[in-house]
Amino acid sequence: MKTLLRVLQYLRPYRLMVLGTFLFAGLTTAFELVPPWLIKILIDDVIQANRVELLTWVFVGLAGSYLLRNLCSSMRIRLNNSLEQQVVHDLHVQVFAALQRLSISFFENRPTGEIMSRVLNDTEHMQRIFVDGLEEIITAGLTLIGIMVVLFWLNWKLALLALLPIPILIIGAALFTKRVHGYYREIRKGAAELNALLQDSLAGIRETMGFNRQPYEQDRFGRKSDQCRKDTLKAMYLWSFYSPGMMLIGSLGGALVLWFGTAEVLAKHLSVGELVMFTSYLALFYVPINQIHSVNHMLQHALAASERVFDVLDTVPDVRDEPGIQAPVARFTGAVAFDHVQFHYRSDAPILKDVSITVRAGERVALVGPSGAGKSTTLKLLNRFYDVTGGSITIDGMDIRRVPLAFLRNQIGLVQQEPFLFNGTVRENILYGDLSAGQEAIEAAAKAARAHEFIVKLPEGYDTWIGERGVKLSVGQRQRVSIARVLLKDPPIVMFDEATSNIDTETEVKIREALNELTKGRTTIIIAHRLSTINEVDRIIVVEHGRVVEEGTHEVLITRGGVYSRLYEAQFQV
C-alpha cells in the first residue's frame, strides 16, 4: 500500500486531469445505469401493459444513453492516456536525473543492462497503474457504488443475496495478492538479469565471434530466458486458479438471485420487468468486480516494478556535496596535494596506504608502477569518483570535499585509457567539452589534438557519424578526439590514464604532440606503462603496493636501481 500511495503522488501536478477522469468516469457509470431501467419499462409498460406510445421514447432513451456513455468513455480514455503519458515522462526524467546524481560505485557494482531495465522496462510497467489500474479502478468503483444503491432501492432482499459472495471474494483477493506479489518481484529481477545478459553479449559480440562462442552465448541466454519463463508461469498458473474461482463464486450469487427472484415473481411480489432489470444490474455489478480482480493482478506486477524504480530514486550517493557549499574561486591554479591518503573498496583490501604527493601548479608529473599499484585509483579520488577513507586531497590548499562537485570536475580534464565516444558525430563528441563552443573553437581544438587532418578526410568531415563508442574510428583517432574534447573544455588540471598504451608508434608521436599542446601551462598527471611517453615530464612518482616508493627525474631514478629502474629495464630490455 505504501508503494501504491507513493506512486499516486505523481498525480498531484495533474489534478485537473485526474478530476476530469473522475468526472467522465462518473458520467459513464451514470449512463450505464439507464438501459436496464428502460428495459424494465419496455417489458412491463410497453409489452405487458400494451402502451405502444412509449416504445419510441424507450428507443430514443436507449440510443441516447448508449451515445452519451460512449462519448464520456472516450473523453475518460483520452484524459487518462494524456495523464499516463505525462506521468511516465516524469518518471523517466526523474529516474535518469537520479542516475546522474549517483556515485560511480553504483554503476560499477551493477550491470548496465540491469540499470537500463529499471529506467525503461520497470517505469513502463509502472505506467500500467495509471493506464489500466487507475482508469479501471475508478470506473469499477463508481459502477459498484451506483449499482449497489440501485439494487437496494429495487429490492433489498435480492441485494443482500447478491452480496453474499463478497466476503469470500475479498479474502481470496487478499491471499492472491500476498502470494503473487513475491512472484512478480522475481519476474522483474529475472527480466533485469536477462536484459543485462543481452546488453553484455551485444557489447562483446566481436569477442564472441573471435572465440567462436556463439553456441555458448545462445545456451547462456536460453537458460536465463527459460528461468524467466518458469518464474512468469508461476504467477500465470496462480491466476489460472484465482480468476475462474472468483468468477464461479460471483456466479453463485447471481444464481441465488435468480432462484429467489423467480419465486418472488411467481408469488406476484415482483414483476417480470423488475426481475429482468434487477438481473441486468446484477450482471453489471459483477463486471467491475471481475475488473478489480484483473486490475489487482496487474497492479502486483506494476508495484513490483515500482519498488525497483524507487530503489534507484532512494539511493543516496556515496559522494555528494555538503549542504550550502559554494565554489571558492572562478578557476583553480592547479596545485594538487595528496596528504597521507588512504583508500579501500573493501576494508580488508586497502588500495592506497598513506600516500602523500605534491604537484605544483603547472607542473607535469608522471605516476608509474606495476599493475594494481593504485595509480588509476589516485585519479578517481582526485575527480571525487570516490572519497578518500583516510587523509585528504587538496587543490590550491582547499579540501576537494569542501568544493562543489560540479565546480571540481569542471576544473579537471580526463583522457582515459579507453576513451569513450558517444554514438553521434565527431562534432558532437568534441563539443561535449564545451557545449557553447562554435565551429572555429572546435576546429582549433581538433588541430591542437592532431585530429583535424583525419577528421576532414572522413566521409562527412566533422558531421561523420562514428557509431557506438566511436567504433568507426581507430584507437588512435578516438584518443585524439578525446584529447580535442578536453582541449575545448580548457581545464587547469589534466590527467591521462594509460593514454598511449594501445597504439602504434606513429600514432603515439602524434598523440605526444597533442599532449604537449594540452599540457602547456596546466597541472598534468600522467599514468603510463609506456615509459617512453614520460621523458619530458618534470617529475616521476613511483607507486608500488599502494605506497609512494620513489620520486625524481628519469635520470635520477635510473641511477638508483629501484622499482623504476627495474620497470625500465623490463620494458626496454636494457
Foldseek 3Di string as FASTA:
>chain_A
DVLVVVLCVLCVVVVVLLVLLLVLLLLLLVLVLPLLVLLLCCVVPCPVVVPVVCVVVSVVSNVVSVVSNVVSVVSNLVSLVVSLVVSLVVLLVLLVVLVVQAFPVVPVVDQPLLSVCLNPVLSVLLSCCSNQNVNLCSNLVSNLVVLLVVLCVLPVVLSVLLCVLVVVLVVLLVVLLVPLLVLLLVLSVLVSVLRSLVVVCVVCVVVCVVVVPPVVSVVVSVVSVVVSVVSVVVNVVSCVVSLVVSVVSSVVSLVVSVVVVVVCVVVVNDPPSSSSSSSVSSVSNVVSVSSVSVSSSSVSNSSSSSVSSVVSVPDDHQAAADPPFEAPDPAFLFWKWFAQFWADPDPVQTQAGGAIDTFGRLAAEEEEEDPSLCQVVVVCCQLPSDDTPDGFMDGPRHTVNRHHSVRSNLQEAEQELLDFAAQFFLLVRLCLLPVPDDPVLLLVLLVLLVQQVVQCVPPVRRRDGQGGRSVNDDRLNSLSSSLSSNVSSLHQEYEYHQSPVPDDPVSVVSNLSSVVSNSGSHGYYYYHLPVVSCQPGQKYFYGGNNYTDDMGHPVVVCVVPDRSVVSVCVVVVD
